[in-house]
Amino acid sequence: MAIVKSKLLKQLADNYPNFYKKDLEKFINIFLNDIKEALRKGERLELRNFGTLSTRIQKASIRRNPKTGEKVHVKQKRTIYWKMSKEMFNKINNVE
């Protein structure tokens, strides 16, 4: 199951009816933009009881297009790495 921003906004609005929907949407946008900005700067981000997000560098390589078989040069890029917290691991695996 994937959560999209609109479903998250609806769930927050249902759980917190005292807040205006536009204020919740601003909060979500600020939160996600701060996460994007931190990762863009190469910073490590920790969300307690959820996990940590960081970026890693994927080296440049030569790969193969599986459809045509031709070789394709892929440039070096940064990828997002997520490591779940112990609490999240225990919750997913029903460990107490």
N, C-alpha and C. Protein backbone atom coordinates (compact mmCIF):
# COMPACT_ATOMS: atom_id res chain seq x y z
N MET A 1 0.84 -1.18 0.00
CA MET A 1 0.00 0.00 0.00
C MET A 1 0.89 1.24 0.00
N ALA A 2 0.65 2.11 -0.92
CA ALA A 2 1.40 3.36 -0.98
C ALA A 2 0.54 4.49 -0.43
N ILE A 3 1.20 5.41 0.23
CA ILE A 3 0.48 6.58 0.74
C ILE A 3 0.86 7.75 -0.13
N VAL A 4 -0.15 8.40 -0.68
CA VAL A 4 0.08 9.61 -1.45
C VAL A 4 -0.26 10.80 -0.56
N LYS A 5 0.21 11.97 -0.96
CA LYS A 5 0.05 13.15 -0.11
C LYS A 5 -1.43 13.45 0.17
N SER A 6 -2.30 13.25 -0.82
CA SER A 6 -3.72 13.54 -0.63
C SER A 6 -4.36 12.61 0.40
N LYS A 7 -3.95 11.33 0.41
CA LYS A 7 -4.49 10.40 1.40
C LYS A 7 -3.96 10.73 2.79
N LEU A 8 -2.70 11.13 2.88
CA LEU A 8 -2.13 11.53 4.16
C LEU A 8 -2.85 12.76 4.70
N LEU A 9 -3.11 13.72 3.82
CA LEU A 9 -3.83 14.93 4.21
C LEU A 9 -5.24 14.60 4.70
N LYS A 10 -5.93 13.71 4.01
CA LYS A 10 -7.28 13.33 4.42
C LYS A 10 -7.26 12.63 5.77
N GLN A 11 -6.30 11.74 5.97
CA GLN A 11 -6.20 11.03 7.24
C GLN A 11 -5.89 11.99 8.39
N LEU A 12 -5.00 12.95 8.17
CA LEU A 12 -4.71 13.95 9.20
C LEU A 12 -5.94 14.81 9.48
N ALA A 13 -6.66 15.20 8.44
CA ALA A 13 -7.86 16.04 8.62
C ALA A 13 -8.93 15.27 9.39
N ASP A 14 -9.05 13.97 9.14
CA ASP A 14 -10.03 13.15 9.87
C ASP A 14 -9.64 12.98 11.33
N ASN A 15 -8.34 12.82 11.58
CA ASN A 15 -7.87 12.61 12.96
C ASN A 15 -7.79 13.90 13.77
N TYR A 16 -7.61 15.02 13.10
CA TYR A 16 -7.50 16.31 13.78
C TYR A 16 -8.49 17.30 13.17
N PRO A 17 -9.77 17.16 13.51
CA PRO A 17 -10.79 18.02 12.89
C PRO A 17 -10.70 19.49 13.32
N ASN A 18 -9.95 19.80 14.37
CA ASN A 18 -9.83 21.18 14.83
C ASN A 18 -8.90 22.02 13.95
N PHE A 19 -8.08 21.36 13.14
CA PHE A 19 -7.17 22.08 12.25
C PHE A 19 -7.82 22.26 10.89
N TYR A 20 -7.55 23.39 10.27
CA TYR A 20 -8.02 23.62 8.90
C TYR A 20 -7.21 22.75 7.95
N LYS A 21 -7.89 22.30 6.91
CA LYS A 21 -7.23 21.43 5.94
C LYS A 21 -6.06 22.16 5.25
N LYS A 22 -6.23 23.45 4.98
CA LYS A 22 -5.16 24.20 4.31
C LYS A 22 -3.93 24.33 5.22
N ASP A 23 -4.14 24.42 6.55
CA ASP A 23 -3.01 24.48 7.47
C ASP A 23 -2.28 23.14 7.52
N LEU A 24 -3.04 22.05 7.50
CA LEU A 24 -2.41 20.72 7.49
C LEU A 24 -1.62 20.51 6.20
N GLU A 25 -2.16 21.01 5.09
CA GLU A 25 -1.46 20.88 3.81
C GLU A 25 -0.15 21.68 3.83
N LYS A 26 -0.18 22.88 4.42
CA LYS A 26 1.04 23.67 4.55
C LYS A 26 2.07 22.95 5.40
N PHE A 27 1.61 22.34 6.50
CA PHE A 27 2.51 21.58 7.37
C PHE A 27 3.16 20.43 6.62
N ILE A 28 2.37 19.67 5.88
CA ILE A 28 2.91 18.54 5.11
C ILE A 28 3.94 19.04 4.09
N ASN A 29 3.63 20.13 3.39
CA ASN A 29 4.55 20.67 2.39
C ASN A 29 5.85 21.14 3.03
N ILE A 30 5.76 21.82 4.16
CA ILE A 30 6.97 22.28 4.86
C ILE A 30 7.80 21.08 5.30
N PHE A 31 7.15 20.07 5.87
CA PHE A 31 7.83 18.88 6.36
C PHE A 31 8.56 18.16 5.23
N LEU A 32 7.87 17.92 4.12
CA LEU A 32 8.48 17.21 2.99
C LEU A 32 9.57 18.04 2.33
N ASN A 33 9.38 19.35 2.23
CA ASN A 33 10.42 20.20 1.64
C ASN A 33 11.67 20.23 2.50
N ASP A 34 11.51 20.22 3.82
CA ASP A 34 12.68 20.18 4.70
C ASP A 34 13.44 18.86 4.55
N ILE A 35 12.71 17.77 4.39
CA ILE A 35 13.36 16.47 4.16
C ILE A 35 14.13 16.50 2.84
N LYS A 36 13.50 17.00 1.78
CA LYS A 36 14.16 17.08 0.47
C LYS A 36 15.42 17.94 0.54
N GLU A 37 15.31 19.08 1.22
CA GLU A 37 16.44 20.01 1.31
C GLU A 37 17.61 19.39 2.08
N ALA A 38 17.29 18.70 3.19
CA ALA A 38 18.35 18.06 3.98
C ALA A 38 19.06 16.99 3.16
N LEU A 39 18.31 16.18 2.43
CA LEU A 39 18.92 15.13 1.61
C LEU A 39 19.71 15.73 0.45
N ARG A 40 19.22 16.83 -0.11
CA ARG A 40 19.93 17.49 -1.20
C ARG A 40 21.29 18.00 -0.73
N LYS A 41 21.35 18.46 0.53
CA LYS A 41 22.60 18.95 1.10
C LYS A 41 23.52 17.81 1.53
N GLY A 42 23.02 16.58 1.50
CA GLY A 42 23.82 15.43 1.90
C GLY A 42 23.77 15.17 3.39
N GLU A 43 22.82 15.76 4.09
CA GLU A 43 22.71 15.56 5.53
C GLU A 43 21.96 14.25 5.84
N ARG A 44 22.19 13.76 7.03
CA ARG A 44 21.52 12.55 7.51
C ARG A 44 20.29 13.00 8.29
N LEU A 45 19.17 12.32 8.07
CA LEU A 45 17.91 12.70 8.69
C LEU A 45 17.41 11.53 9.54
N GLU A 46 17.09 11.81 10.79
CA GLU A 46 16.61 10.75 11.69
C GLU A 46 15.19 11.08 12.13
N LEU A 47 14.28 10.13 11.90
CA LEU A 47 12.91 10.24 12.39
C LEU A 47 12.76 9.17 13.47
N ARG A 48 12.63 9.60 14.71
CA ARG A 48 12.60 8.68 15.84
C ARG A 48 11.50 7.64 15.67
N ASN A 49 11.81 6.42 16.06
CA ASN A 49 10.92 5.26 15.99
C ASN A 49 10.50 4.90 14.56
N PHE A 50 11.12 5.52 13.55
CA PHE A 50 10.82 5.20 12.17
C PHE A 50 12.06 4.75 11.43
N GLY A 51 13.10 5.58 11.44
CA GLY A 51 14.33 5.22 10.77
C GLY A 51 15.15 6.43 10.39
N THR A 52 16.23 6.18 9.66
CA THR A 52 17.09 7.26 9.21
C THR A 52 17.14 7.27 7.69
N LEU A 53 17.25 8.47 7.14
CA LEU A 53 17.40 8.67 5.70
C LEU A 53 18.74 9.34 5.46
N SER A 54 19.45 8.87 4.47
CA SER A 54 20.70 9.48 4.09
C SER A 54 20.91 9.24 2.60
N THR A 55 21.93 9.89 2.04
CA THR A 55 22.22 9.68 0.62
C THR A 55 23.55 8.94 0.50
N ARG A 56 23.64 8.16 -0.54
CA ARG A 56 24.87 7.44 -0.87
C ARG A 56 25.18 7.70 -2.34
N ILE A 57 26.44 7.61 -2.68
CA ILE A 57 26.85 7.83 -4.06
C ILE A 57 26.91 6.49 -4.78
N GLN A 58 26.22 6.44 -5.92
CA GLN A 58 26.26 5.26 -6.77
C GLN A 58 27.25 5.56 -7.89
N LYS A 59 28.27 4.74 -8.01
CA LYS A 59 29.34 4.97 -8.97
C LYS A 59 28.83 4.91 -10.41
N ALA A 60 29.54 5.60 -11.28
CA ALA A 60 29.24 5.53 -12.71
C ALA A 60 29.54 4.12 -13.20
N SER A 61 28.74 3.66 -14.14
CA SER A 61 28.95 2.30 -14.64
C SER A 61 28.42 2.17 -16.06
N ILE A 62 28.79 1.07 -16.66
CA ILE A 62 28.26 0.74 -17.99
C ILE A 62 27.29 -0.41 -17.79
N ARG A 63 26.07 -0.20 -18.22
CA ARG A 63 25.03 -1.22 -18.06
C ARG A 63 24.48 -1.59 -19.42
N ARG A 64 23.57 -2.55 -19.40
CA ARG A 64 23.02 -3.05 -20.65
C ARG A 64 21.52 -2.83 -20.67
N ASN A 65 21.03 -2.30 -21.79
CA ASN A 65 19.59 -2.17 -21.99
C ASN A 65 19.05 -3.57 -22.26
N PRO A 66 18.18 -4.12 -21.38
CA PRO A 66 17.72 -5.49 -21.56
C PRO A 66 16.88 -5.71 -22.82
N LYS A 67 16.25 -4.66 -23.32
CA LYS A 67 15.39 -4.81 -24.49
C LYS A 67 16.21 -4.87 -25.77
N THR A 68 17.21 -3.99 -25.90
CA THR A 68 17.99 -3.93 -27.14
C THR A 68 19.36 -4.58 -27.02
N GLY A 69 19.85 -4.74 -25.80
CA GLY A 69 21.15 -5.33 -25.60
C GLY A 69 22.30 -4.35 -25.73
N GLU A 70 22.02 -3.09 -26.10
CA GLU A 70 23.10 -2.12 -26.26
C GLU A 70 23.61 -1.65 -24.90
N LYS A 71 24.90 -1.28 -24.89
CA LYS A 71 25.52 -0.80 -23.66
C LYS A 71 25.14 0.66 -23.43
N VAL A 72 24.86 0.98 -22.15
CA VAL A 72 24.45 2.33 -21.79
C VAL A 72 25.35 2.81 -20.66
N HIS A 73 25.89 4.02 -20.82
CA HIS A 73 26.73 4.60 -19.78
C HIS A 73 25.83 5.34 -18.78
N VAL A 74 25.92 4.97 -17.50
CA VAL A 74 25.14 5.60 -16.45
C VAL A 74 26.09 6.44 -15.61
N LYS A 75 25.77 7.72 -15.47
CA LYS A 75 26.62 8.64 -14.72
C LYS A 75 26.50 8.39 -13.22
N GLN A 76 27.48 8.90 -12.49
CA GLN A 76 27.46 8.82 -11.03
C GLN A 76 26.25 9.61 -10.51
N LYS A 77 25.58 9.07 -9.49
CA LYS A 77 24.42 9.77 -8.94
C LYS A 77 24.27 9.45 -7.46
N ARG A 78 23.50 10.28 -6.79
CA ARG A 78 23.22 10.05 -5.38
C ARG A 78 21.88 9.34 -5.26
N THR A 79 21.82 8.35 -4.38
CA THR A 79 20.58 7.63 -4.13
C THR A 79 20.22 7.77 -2.65
N ILE A 80 18.95 7.59 -2.35
CA ILE A 80 18.49 7.69 -0.97
C ILE A 80 18.57 6.32 -0.32
N TYR A 81 19.11 6.28 0.88
CA TYR A 81 19.23 5.05 1.65
C TYR A 81 18.41 5.21 2.92
N TRP A 82 17.57 4.21 3.23
CA TRP A 82 16.74 4.23 4.43
C TRP A 82 17.08 3.03 5.29
N LYS A 83 17.28 3.27 6.57
CA LYS A 83 17.51 2.19 7.52
C LYS A 83 16.45 2.31 8.60
N MET A 84 15.69 1.24 8.78
CA MET A 84 14.61 1.31 9.76
C MET A 84 15.16 1.23 11.17
N SER A 85 14.41 1.80 12.10
CA SER A 85 14.81 1.79 13.51
C SER A 85 14.48 0.43 14.13
N LYS A 86 15.05 0.17 15.29
CA LYS A 86 14.77 -1.07 15.99
C LYS A 86 13.30 -1.17 16.36
N GLU A 87 12.71 -0.03 16.76
CA GLU A 87 11.30 -0.02 17.12
C GLU A 87 10.42 -0.41 15.93
N MET A 88 10.73 0.12 14.75
CA MET A 88 9.98 -0.22 13.55
C MET A 88 10.16 -1.69 13.20
N PHE A 89 11.39 -2.18 13.31
CA PHE A 89 11.66 -3.59 13.03
C PHE A 89 10.85 -4.49 13.95
N ASN A 90 10.86 -4.16 15.24
CA ASN A 90 10.11 -4.96 16.22
C ASN A 90 8.60 -4.90 15.99
N LYS A 91 8.11 -3.76 15.60
CA LYS A 91 6.68 -3.61 15.34
C LYS A 91 6.26 -4.41 14.12
N ILE A 92 7.07 -4.35 13.05
CA ILE A 92 6.75 -5.09 11.82
C ILE A 92 6.79 -6.60 12.07
N ASN A 93 7.74 -7.05 12.89
CA ASN A 93 7.93 -8.48 13.12
C ASN A 93 7.25 -9.01 14.38
N ASN A 94 6.40 -8.20 14.99
CA ASN A 94 5.65 -8.60 16.20
C ASN A 94 6.55 -9.08 17.31
N VAL A 95 7.68 -8.41 17.49
CA VAL A 95 8.62 -8.74 18.57
C VAL A 95 8.34 -7.78 19.72
N GLU A 96 8.27 -8.36 20.91
CA GLU A 96 8.00 -7.50 22.07
C GLU A 96 9.18 -7.42 23.00
